[in-house]
Amino acid sequence: EEVIEFKLDKLMTDWIEHEKTIRNTSACELAIR
């Protein structure tokens, strides 16, 4: 289970880090992404 948690955490962390680089986005645009 920890292996799967690692994979999910890595994927989500990478996505969040990418999202932090995007400026001036609406809630709808964020939800779509």
Full PDB file with SEQRES, HELIX, SHEET, SSBOND, CRYST1, ORIGX, SCALE, CONECT and MASTER records, all heavy atoms in Angstrom:
SEQRES   1 A   33  GLU GLU VAL ILE GLU PHE LYS LEU ASP LYS LEU MET THR          
SEQRES   2 A   33  ASP TRP ILE GLU HIS GLU LYS THR ILE ARG ASN THR SER          
SEQRES   3 A   33  ALA CYS GLU LEU ALA ILE ARG                                  
HELIX    1 AA1 GLU A    2  GLU A   19  1                                  18    
HELIX    2 AA2 ALA A   27  ILE A   32  1                                   6    
CRYST1    1.000    1.000    1.000  90.00  90.00  90.00 P 1           1          
ORIGX1      1.000000  0.000000  0.000000        0.00000                         
ORIGX2      0.000000  1.000000  0.000000        0.00000                         
ORIGX3      0.000000  0.000000  1.000000        0.00000                         
SCALE1      1.000000  0.000000  0.000000        0.00000                         
SCALE2      0.000000  1.000000  0.000000        0.00000                         
SCALE3      0.000000  0.000000  1.000000        0.00000                         
ATOM      1  N   GLU A   1       0.834  -1.206   0.000  1.00  0.00           N  
ATOM      2  CA  GLU A   1       0.000   0.000   0.000  1.00  0.00           C  
ATOM      3  C   GLU A   1       0.870   1.259   0.000  1.00  0.00           C  
ATOM      4  O   GLU A   1       0.552   2.244  -0.676  1.00  0.00           O  
ATOM      5  CB  GLU A   1      -0.944   0.012   1.214  1.00  0.00           C  
ATOM      6  CG  GLU A   1      -2.025  -1.034   1.172  1.00  0.00           C  
ATOM      7  CD  GLU A   1      -1.587  -2.413   1.678  1.00  0.00           C  
ATOM      8  OE1 GLU A   1      -0.400  -2.588   2.048  1.00  0.00           O  
ATOM      9  OE2 GLU A   1      -2.417  -3.333   1.683  1.00  0.00           O  
ATOM     10  N   GLU A   2       1.969   1.214   0.732  1.00  0.00           N  
ATOM     11  CA  GLU A   2       2.883   2.357   0.771  1.00  0.00           C  
ATOM     12  C   GLU A   2       3.494   2.631  -0.607  1.00  0.00           C  
ATOM     13  O   GLU A   2       3.742   3.779  -0.972  1.00  0.00           O  
ATOM     14  CB  GLU A   2       3.987   2.103   1.801  1.00  0.00           C  
ATOM     15  CG  GLU A   2       4.869   3.300   2.049  1.00  0.00           C  
ATOM     16  CD  GLU A   2       5.954   3.036   3.080  1.00  0.00           C  
ATOM     17  OE1 GLU A   2       5.885   2.024   3.814  1.00  0.00           O  
ATOM     18  OE2 GLU A   2       6.889   3.852   3.133  1.00  0.00           O  
ATOM     19  N   VAL A   3       3.700   1.586  -1.377  1.00  0.00           N  
ATOM     20  CA  VAL A   3       4.228   1.733  -2.741  1.00  0.00           C  
ATOM     21  C   VAL A   3       3.230   2.534  -3.587  1.00  0.00           C  
ATOM     22  O   VAL A   3       3.614   3.476  -4.289  1.00  0.00           O  
ATOM     23  CB  VAL A   3       4.493   0.353  -3.385  1.00  0.00           C  
ATOM     24  CG1 VAL A   3       4.888   0.508  -4.849  1.00  0.00           C  
ATOM     25  CG2 VAL A   3       5.559  -0.408  -2.614  1.00  0.00           C  
ATOM     26  N   ILE A   4       1.964   2.167  -3.486  1.00  0.00           N  
ATOM     27  CA  ILE A   4       0.921   2.860  -4.252  1.00  0.00           C  
ATOM     28  C   ILE A   4       0.779   4.299  -3.766  1.00  0.00           C  
ATOM     29  O   ILE A   4       0.657   5.230  -4.569  1.00  0.00           O  
ATOM     30  CB  ILE A   4      -0.413   2.102  -4.160  1.00  0.00           C  
ATOM     31  CG1 ILE A   4      -0.258   0.723  -4.817  1.00  0.00           C  
ATOM     32  CG2 ILE A   4      -1.542   2.897  -4.821  1.00  0.00           C  
ATOM     33  CD1 ILE A   4      -1.381  -0.240  -4.528  1.00  0.00           C  
ATOM     34  N   GLU A   5       0.829   4.490  -2.459  1.00  0.00           N  
ATOM     35  CA  GLU A   5       0.746   5.850  -1.903  1.00  0.00           C  
ATOM     36  C   GLU A   5       1.900   6.711  -2.410  1.00  0.00           C  
ATOM     37  O   GLU A   5       1.716   7.888  -2.723  1.00  0.00           O  
ATOM     38  CB  GLU A   5       0.743   5.798  -0.376  1.00  0.00           C  
ATOM     39  CG  GLU A   5      -0.554   5.257   0.185  1.00  0.00           C  
ATOM     40  CD  GLU A   5      -0.480   4.951   1.676  1.00  0.00           C  
ATOM     41  OE1 GLU A   5       0.641   4.920   2.245  1.00  0.00           O  
ATOM     42  OE2 GLU A   5      -1.555   4.728   2.263  1.00  0.00           O  
ATOM     43  N   PHE A   6       3.090   6.128  -2.503  1.00  0.00           N  
ATOM     44  CA  PHE A   6       4.232   6.855  -3.043  1.00  0.00           C  
ATOM     45  C   PHE A   6       3.951   7.332  -4.463  1.00  0.00           C  
ATOM     46  O   PHE A   6       4.192   8.487  -4.813  1.00  0.00           O  
ATOM     47  CB  PHE A   6       5.499   5.982  -3.027  1.00  0.00           C  
ATOM     48  CG  PHE A   6       6.573   6.497  -3.944  1.00  0.00           C  
ATOM     49  CD1 PHE A   6       7.387   7.550  -3.577  1.00  0.00           C  
ATOM     50  CD2 PHE A   6       6.754   5.935  -5.206  1.00  0.00           C  
ATOM     51  CE1 PHE A   6       8.365   8.048  -4.440  1.00  0.00           C  
ATOM     52  CE2 PHE A   6       7.724   6.416  -6.075  1.00  0.00           C  
ATOM     53  CZ  PHE A   6       8.533   7.470  -5.688  1.00  0.00           C  
ATOM     54  N   LYS A   7       3.444   6.422  -5.299  1.00  0.00           N  
ATOM     55  CA  LYS A   7       3.184   6.751  -6.706  1.00  0.00           C  
ATOM     56  C   LYS A   7       2.153   7.866  -6.822  1.00  0.00           C  
ATOM     57  O   LYS A   7       2.350   8.835  -7.571  1.00  0.00           O  
ATOM     58  CB  LYS A   7       2.714   5.499  -7.466  1.00  0.00           C  
ATOM     59  CG  LYS A   7       2.463   5.720  -8.934  1.00  0.00           C  
ATOM     60  CD  LYS A   7       3.738   6.011  -9.690  1.00  0.00           C  
ATOM     61  CE  LYS A   7       3.493   6.075 -11.181  1.00  0.00           C  
ATOM     62  NZ  LYS A   7       4.715   6.244 -11.937  1.00  0.00           N  
ATOM     63  N   LEU A   8       1.057   7.750  -6.073  1.00  0.00           N  
ATOM     64  CA  LEU A   8       0.017   8.783  -6.119  1.00  0.00           C  
ATOM     65  C   LEU A   8       0.552  10.117  -5.617  1.00  0.00           C  
ATOM     66  O   LEU A   8       0.285  11.164  -6.207  1.00  0.00           O  
ATOM     67  CB  LEU A   8      -1.203   8.355  -5.300  1.00  0.00           C  
ATOM     68  CG  LEU A   8      -2.005   7.182  -5.862  1.00  0.00           C  
ATOM     69  CD1 LEU A   8      -3.048   6.722  -4.851  1.00  0.00           C  
ATOM     70  CD2 LEU A   8      -2.649   7.547  -7.194  1.00  0.00           C  
ATOM     71  N   ASP A   9       1.312  10.079  -4.537  1.00  0.00           N  
ATOM     72  CA  ASP A   9       1.869  11.312  -3.990  1.00  0.00           C  
ATOM     73  C   ASP A   9       2.818  11.970  -4.976  1.00  0.00           C  
ATOM     74  O   ASP A   9       2.783  13.180  -5.174  1.00  0.00           O  
ATOM     75  CB  ASP A   9       2.586  11.028  -2.671  1.00  0.00           C  
ATOM     76  CG  ASP A   9       3.112  12.303  -2.039  1.00  0.00           C  
ATOM     77  OD1 ASP A   9       2.285  13.159  -1.645  1.00  0.00           O  
ATOM     78  OD2 ASP A   9       4.348  12.465  -1.959  1.00  0.00           O  
ATOM     79  N   LYS A  10       3.641  11.177  -5.634  1.00  0.00           N  
ATOM     80  CA  LYS A  10       4.581  11.731  -6.619  1.00  0.00           C  
ATOM     81  C   LYS A  10       3.842  12.383  -7.781  1.00  0.00           C  
ATOM     82  O   LYS A  10       4.166  13.500  -8.190  1.00  0.00           O  
ATOM     83  CB  LYS A  10       5.513  10.640  -7.137  1.00  0.00           C  
ATOM     84  CG  LYS A  10       6.385  11.093  -8.303  1.00  0.00           C  
ATOM     85  CD  LYS A  10       7.807  10.750  -8.131  1.00  0.00           C  
ATOM     86  CE  LYS A  10       8.741  11.194  -9.204  1.00  0.00           C  
ATOM     87  NZ  LYS A  10       8.474  12.428  -9.892  1.00  0.00           N  
ATOM     88  N   LEU A  11       2.839  11.687  -8.293  1.00  0.00           N  
ATOM     89  CA  LEU A  11       2.070  12.242  -9.412  1.00  0.00           C  
ATOM     90  C   LEU A  11       1.378  13.539  -9.014  1.00  0.00           C  
ATOM     91  O   LEU A  11       1.415  14.529  -9.749  1.00  0.00           O  
ATOM     92  CB  LEU A  11       1.040  11.222  -9.897  1.00  0.00           C  
ATOM     93  CG  LEU A  11       1.611   9.998 -10.622  1.00  0.00           C  
ATOM     94  CD1 LEU A  11       0.533   8.927 -10.760  1.00  0.00           C  
ATOM     95  CD2 LEU A  11       2.177  10.386 -11.973  1.00  0.00           C  
ATOM     96  N   MET A  12       0.756  13.545  -7.848  1.00  0.00           N  
ATOM     97  CA  MET A  12       0.034  14.744  -7.404  1.00  0.00           C  
ATOM     98  C   MET A  12       0.984  15.881  -7.066  1.00  0.00           C  
ATOM     99  O   MET A  12       0.695  17.042  -7.379  1.00  0.00           O  
ATOM    100  CB  MET A  12      -0.864  14.410  -6.220  1.00  0.00           C  
ATOM    101  CG  MET A  12      -2.074  13.619  -6.630  1.00  0.00           C  
ATOM    102  SD  MET A  12      -3.208  13.457  -5.251  1.00  0.00           S  
ATOM    103  CE  MET A  12      -3.967  11.910  -5.693  1.00  0.00           C  
ATOM    104  N   THR A  13       2.100  15.568  -6.456  1.00  0.00           N  
ATOM    105  CA  THR A  13       3.092  16.602  -6.141  1.00  0.00           C  
ATOM    106  C   THR A  13       3.611  17.242  -7.423  1.00  0.00           C  
ATOM    107  O   THR A  13       3.726  18.470  -7.512  1.00  0.00           O  
ATOM    108  CB  THR A  13       4.254  16.009  -5.321  1.00  0.00           C  
ATOM    109  OG1 THR A  13       3.728  15.496  -4.095  1.00  0.00           O  
ATOM    110  CG2 THR A  13       5.319  17.048  -5.034  1.00  0.00           C  
ATOM    111  N   ASP A  14       3.929  16.430  -8.422  1.00  0.00           N  
ATOM    112  CA  ASP A  14       4.395  16.971  -9.709  1.00  0.00           C  
ATOM    113  C   ASP A  14       3.330  17.865 -10.332  1.00  0.00           C  
ATOM    114  O   ASP A  14       3.641  18.932 -10.868  1.00  0.00           O  
ATOM    115  CB  ASP A  14       4.767  15.837 -10.672  1.00  0.00           C  
ATOM    116  CG  ASP A  14       6.013  15.079 -10.244  1.00  0.00           C  
ATOM    117  OD1 ASP A  14       6.737  15.541  -9.330  1.00  0.00           O  
ATOM    118  OD2 ASP A  14       6.265  13.997 -10.825  1.00  0.00           O  
ATOM    119  N   TRP A  15       2.052  17.438 -10.272  1.00  0.00           N  
ATOM    120  CA  TRP A  15       0.975  18.244 -10.846  1.00  0.00           C  
ATOM    121  C   TRP A  15       0.837  19.566 -10.096  1.00  0.00           C  
ATOM    122  O   TRP A  15       0.724  20.629 -10.721  1.00  0.00           O  
ATOM    123  CB  TRP A  15      -0.352  17.474 -10.814  1.00  0.00           C  
ATOM    124  CG  TRP A  15      -1.468  18.258 -11.421  1.00  0.00           C  
ATOM    125  CD1 TRP A  15      -1.701  18.458 -12.748  1.00  0.00           C  
ATOM    126  CD2 TRP A  15      -2.491  18.981 -10.735  1.00  0.00           C  
ATOM    127  NE1 TRP A  15      -2.811  19.243 -12.932  1.00  0.00           N  
ATOM    128  CE2 TRP A  15      -3.318  19.584 -11.701  1.00  0.00           C  
ATOM    129  CE3 TRP A  15      -2.786  19.170  -9.383  1.00  0.00           C  
ATOM    130  CZ2 TRP A  15      -4.426  20.365 -11.367  1.00  0.00           C  
ATOM    131  CZ3 TRP A  15      -3.891  19.942  -9.052  1.00  0.00           C  
ATOM    132  CH2 TRP A  15      -4.686  20.537 -10.039  1.00  0.00           C  
ATOM    133  N   ILE A  16       0.874  19.516  -8.774  1.00  0.00           N  
ATOM    134  CA  ILE A  16       0.739  20.734  -7.969  1.00  0.00           C  
ATOM    135  C   ILE A  16       1.889  21.690  -8.256  1.00  0.00           C  
ATOM    136  O   ILE A  16       1.679  22.903  -8.408  1.00  0.00           O  
ATOM    137  CB  ILE A  16       0.660  20.390  -6.466  1.00  0.00           C  
ATOM    138  CG1 ILE A  16      -0.682  19.719  -6.164  1.00  0.00           C  
ATOM    139  CG2 ILE A  16       0.846  21.628  -5.599  1.00  0.00           C  
ATOM    140  CD1 ILE A  16      -0.764  19.075  -4.798  1.00  0.00           C  
ATOM    141  N   GLU A  17       3.101  21.170  -8.350  1.00  0.00           N  
ATOM    142  CA  GLU A  17       4.259  22.022  -8.648  1.00  0.00           C  
ATOM    143  C   GLU A  17       4.101  22.694 -10.008  1.00  0.00           C  
ATOM    144  O   GLU A  17       4.430  23.873 -10.171  1.00  0.00           O  
ATOM    145  CB  GLU A  17       5.564  21.227  -8.578  1.00  0.00           C  
ATOM    146  CG  GLU A  17       5.952  20.820  -7.175  1.00  0.00           C  
ATOM    147  CD  GLU A  17       6.055  22.003  -6.216  1.00  0.00           C  
ATOM    148  OE1 GLU A  17       6.704  23.013  -6.567  1.00  0.00           O  
ATOM    149  OE2 GLU A  17       5.471  21.920  -5.115  1.00  0.00           O  
ATOM    150  N   HIS A  18       3.583  21.962 -10.970  1.00  0.00           N  
ATOM    151  CA  HIS A  18       3.332  22.557 -12.288  1.00  0.00           C  
ATOM    152  C   HIS A  18       2.248  23.640 -12.179  1.00  0.00           C  
ATOM    153  O   HIS A  18       2.383  24.717 -12.773  1.00  0.00           O  
ATOM    154  CB  HIS A  18       2.911  21.492 -13.295  1.00  0.00           C  
ATOM    155  CG  HIS A  18       2.483  22.064 -14.602  1.00  0.00           C  
ATOM    156  ND1 HIS A  18       3.367  22.613 -15.504  1.00  0.00           N  
ATOM    157  CD2 HIS A  18       1.255  22.205 -15.154  1.00  0.00           C  
ATOM    158  CE1 HIS A  18       2.710  23.075 -16.548  1.00  0.00           C  
ATOM    159  NE2 HIS A  18       1.423  22.828 -16.373  1.00  0.00           N  
ATOM    160  N   GLU A  19       1.206  23.365 -11.434  1.00  0.00           N  
ATOM    161  CA  GLU A  19       0.110  24.328 -11.283  1.00  0.00           C  
ATOM    162  C   GLU A  19       0.580  25.620 -10.636  1.00  0.00           C  
ATOM    163  O   GLU A  19       0.055  26.691 -10.942  1.00  0.00           O  
ATOM    164  CB  GLU A  19      -1.044  23.723 -10.468  1.00  0.00           C  
ATOM    165  CG  GLU A  19      -1.899  22.765 -11.239  1.00  0.00           C  
ATOM    166  CD  GLU A  19      -2.536  23.381 -12.477  1.00  0.00           C  
ATOM    167  OE1 GLU A  19      -3.149  24.469 -12.372  1.00  0.00           O  
ATOM    168  OE2 GLU A  19      -2.414  22.781 -13.551  1.00  0.00           O  
ATOM    169  N   LYS A  20       1.544  25.543  -9.754  1.00  0.00           N  
ATOM    170  CA  LYS A  20       2.065  26.741  -9.088  1.00  0.00           C  
ATOM    171  C   LYS A  20       2.710  27.700 -10.076  1.00  0.00           C  
ATOM    172  O   LYS A  20       2.846  28.881  -9.784  1.00  0.00           O  
ATOM    173  CB  LYS A  20       3.073  26.359  -8.011  1.00  0.00           C  
ATOM    174  CG  LYS A  20       2.444  25.746  -6.790  1.00  0.00           C  
ATOM    175  CD  LYS A  20       3.524  25.362  -5.780  1.00  0.00           C  
ATOM    176  CE  LYS A  20       2.935  24.729  -4.547  1.00  0.00           C  
ATOM    177  NZ  LYS A  20       3.983  24.292  -3.599  1.00  0.00           N  
ATOM    178  N   THR A  21       3.105  27.198 -11.246  1.00  0.00           N  
ATOM    179  CA  THR A  21       3.752  28.056 -12.242  1.00  0.00           C  
ATOM    180  C   THR A  21       2.745  28.801 -13.099  1.00  0.00           C  
ATOM    181  O   THR A  21       3.110  29.694 -13.850  1.00  0.00           O  
ATOM    182  CB  THR A  21       4.672  27.230 -13.177  1.00  0.00           C  
ATOM    183  OG1 THR A  21       3.870  26.336 -13.969  1.00  0.00           O  
ATOM    184  CG2 THR A  21       5.699  26.444 -12.372  1.00  0.00           C  
ATOM    185  N   ILE A  22       1.475  28.431 -12.997  1.00  0.00           N  
ATOM    186  CA  ILE A  22       0.439  29.049 -13.816  1.00  0.00           C  
ATOM    187  C   ILE A  22      -0.203  30.181 -13.021  1.00  0.00           C  
ATOM    188  O   ILE A  22      -0.687  29.985 -11.912  1.00  0.00           O  
ATOM    189  CB  ILE A  22      -0.616  28.012 -14.252  1.00  0.00           C  
ATOM    190  CG1 ILE A  22       0.059  26.887 -15.045  1.00  0.00           C  
ATOM    191  CG2 ILE A  22      -1.727  28.676 -15.066  1.00  0.00           C  
ATOM    192  CD1 ILE A  22      -0.847  25.717 -15.352  1.00  0.00           C  
ATOM    193  N   ARG A  23      -0.215  31.352 -13.595  1.00  0.00           N  
ATOM    194  CA  ARG A  23      -0.719  32.549 -12.906  1.00  0.00           C  
ATOM    195  C   ARG A  23      -2.101  32.935 -13.429  1.00  0.00           C  
ATOM    196  O   ARG A  23      -2.478  32.608 -14.560  1.00  0.00           O  
ATOM    197  CB  ARG A  23       0.236  33.731 -13.130  1.00  0.00           C  
ATOM    198  CG  ARG A  23       1.641  33.471 -12.661  1.00  0.00           C  
ATOM    199  CD  ARG A  23       1.741  33.690 -11.162  1.00  0.00           C  
ATOM    200  NE  ARG A  23       3.117  33.503 -10.738  1.00  0.00           N  
ATOM    201  CZ  ARG A  23       3.456  32.653  -9.803  1.00  0.00           C  
ATOM    202  NH1 ARG A  23       2.569  31.915  -9.216  1.00  0.00           N  
ATOM    203  NH2 ARG A  23       4.713  32.530  -9.453  1.00  0.00           N  
ATOM    204  N   ASN A  24      -2.818  33.674 -12.590  1.00  0.00           N  
ATOM    205  CA  ASN A  24      -4.115  34.256 -12.971  1.00  0.00           C  
ATOM    206  C   ASN A  24      -5.054  33.240 -13.611  1.00  0.00           C  
ATOM    207  O   ASN A  24      -5.444  33.375 -14.765  1.00  0.00           O  
ATOM    208  CB  ASN A  24      -3.916  35.449 -13.904  1.00  0.00           C  
ATOM    209  CG  ASN A  24      -3.073  36.529 -13.255  1.00  0.00           C  
ATOM    210  OD1 ASN A  24      -3.158  36.745 -12.047  1.00  0.00           O  
ATOM    211  ND2 ASN A  24      -2.256  37.197 -14.042  1.00  0.00           N  
ATOM    212  N   THR A  25      -5.395  32.233 -12.863  1.00  0.00           N  
ATOM    213  CA  THR A  25      -6.280  31.199 -13.380  1.00  0.00           C  
ATOM    214  C   THR A  25      -7.594  31.218 -12.603  1.00  0.00           C  
ATOM    215  O   THR A  25      -7.601  31.491 -11.409  1.00  0.00           O  
ATOM    216  CB  THR A  25      -5.600  29.817 -13.298  1.00  0.00           C  
ATOM    217  OG1 THR A  25      -6.414  28.869 -13.956  1.00  0.00           O  
ATOM    218  CG2 THR A  25      -5.357  29.374 -11.886  1.00  0.00           C  
ATOM    219  N   SER A  26      -8.671  30.959 -13.269  1.00  0.00           N  
ATOM    220  CA  SER A  26      -9.978  30.921 -12.599  1.00  0.00           C  
ATOM    221  C   SER A  26     -10.179  29.563 -11.943  1.00  0.00           C  
ATOM    222  O   SER A  26      -9.485  28.585 -12.262  1.00  0.00           O  
ATOM    223  CB  SER A  26     -11.100  31.174 -13.607  1.00  0.00           C  
ATOM    224  OG  SER A  26     -11.234  30.061 -14.475  1.00  0.00           O  
ATOM    225  N   ALA A  27     -11.149  29.494 -11.049  1.00  0.00           N  
ATOM    226  CA  ALA A  27     -11.476  28.220 -10.398  1.00  0.00           C  
ATOM    227  C   ALA A  27     -11.900  27.191 -11.437  1.00  0.00           C  
ATOM    228  O   ALA A  27     -11.545  26.017 -11.339  1.00  0.00           O  
ATOM    229  CB  ALA A  27     -12.574  28.434  -9.361  1.00  0.00           C  
ATOM    230  N   CYS A  28     -12.631  27.617 -12.447  1.00  0.00           N  
ATOM    231  CA  CYS A  28     -13.083  26.701 -13.487  1.00  0.00           C  
ATOM    232  C   CYS A  28     -11.898  26.151 -14.282  1.00  0.00           C  
ATOM    233  O   CYS A  28     -11.822  24.954 -14.545  1.00  0.00           O  
ATOM    234  CB  CYS A  28     -14.079  27.384 -14.412  1.00  0.00           C  
ATOM    235  SG  CYS A  28     -14.825  26.260 -15.618  1.00  0.00           S  
ATOM    236  N   GLU A  29     -10.962  27.014 -14.643  1.00  0.00           N  
ATOM    237  CA  GLU A  29      -9.776  26.561 -15.385  1.00  0.00           C  
ATOM    238  C   GLU A  29      -8.958  25.574 -14.548  1.00  0.00           C  
ATOM    239  O   GLU A  29      -8.480  24.561 -15.065  1.00  0.00           O  
ATOM    240  CB  GLU A  29      -8.901  27.755 -15.775  1.00  0.00           C  
ATOM    241  CG  GLU A  29      -9.529  28.650 -16.820  1.00  0.00           C  
ATOM    242  CD  GLU A  29      -8.810  29.989 -16.964  1.00  0.00           C  
ATOM    243  OE1 GLU A  29      -8.162  30.454 -16.012  1.00  0.00           O  
ATOM    244  OE2 GLU A  29      -8.908  30.563 -18.056  1.00  0.00           O  
ATOM    245  N   LEU A  30      -8.831  25.864 -13.263  1.00  0.00           N  
ATOM    246  CA  LEU A  30      -8.105  24.962 -12.371  1.00  0.00           C  
ATOM    247  C   LEU A  30      -8.828  23.615 -12.268  1.00  0.00           C  
ATOM    248  O   LEU A  30      -8.190  22.558 -12.322  1.00  0.00           O  
ATOM    249  CB  LEU A  30      -7.947  25.585 -10.987  1.00  0.00           C  
ATOM    250  CG  LEU A  30      -7.224  24.735  -9.946  1.00  0.00           C  
ATOM    251  CD1 LEU A  30      -5.804  24.411 -10.399  1.00  0.00           C  
ATOM    252  CD2 LEU A  30      -7.215  25.440  -8.599  1.00  0.00           C  
ATOM    253  N   ALA A  31     -10.148  23.644 -12.142  1.00  0.00           N  
ATOM    254  CA  ALA A  31     -10.926  22.407 -12.057  1.00  0.00           C  
ATOM    255  C   ALA A  31     -10.788  21.588 -13.338  1.00  0.00           C  
ATOM    256  O   ALA A  31     -10.661  20.361 -13.292  1.00  0.00           O  
ATOM    257  CB  ALA A  31     -12.390  22.724 -11.771  1.00  0.00           C  
ATOM    258  N   ILE A  32     -10.786  22.255 -14.467  1.00  0.00           N  
ATOM    259  CA  ILE A  32     -10.609  21.554 -15.745  1.00  0.00           C  
ATOM    260  C   ILE A  32      -9.239  20.875 -15.785  1.00  0.00           C  
ATOM    261  O   ILE A  32      -9.122  19.702 -16.137  1.00  0.00           O  
ATOM    262  CB  ILE A  32     -10.800  22.517 -16.939  1.00  0.00           C  
ATOM    263  CG1 ILE A  32     -12.280  22.901 -17.068  1.00  0.00           C  
ATOM    264  CG2 ILE A  32     -10.267  21.902 -18.240  1.00  0.00           C  
ATOM    265  CD1 ILE A  32     -12.547  24.045 -18.036  1.00  0.00           C  
ATOM    266  N   ARG A  33      -8.197  21.595 -15.404  1.00  0.00           N  
ATOM    267  CA  ARG A  33      -6.850  21.007 -15.399  1.00  0.00           C  
ATOM    268  C   ARG A  33      -6.754  19.863 -14.384  1.00  0.00           C  
ATOM    269  O   ARG A  33      -6.046  18.880 -14.608  1.00  0.00           O  
ATOM    270  CB  ARG A  33      -5.792  22.075 -15.142  1.00  0.00           C  
ATOM    271  CG  ARG A  33      -5.582  22.982 -16.353  1.00  0.00           C  
ATOM    272  CD  ARG A  33      -4.301  23.783 -16.268  1.00  0.00           C  
ATOM    273  NE  ARG A  33      -4.193  24.577 -15.064  1.00  0.00           N  
ATOM    274  CZ  ARG A  33      -4.712  25.805 -14.908  1.00  0.00           C  
ATOM    275  NH1 ARG A  33      -5.392  26.370 -15.892  1.00  0.00           N  
ATOM    276  NH2 ARG A  33      -4.537  26.457 -13.787  1.00  0.00           N  
TER     277      ARG A  33                                                      
MASTER        0    0    0    2    0    0    0    6  276    1    0    3          
END                                                                             
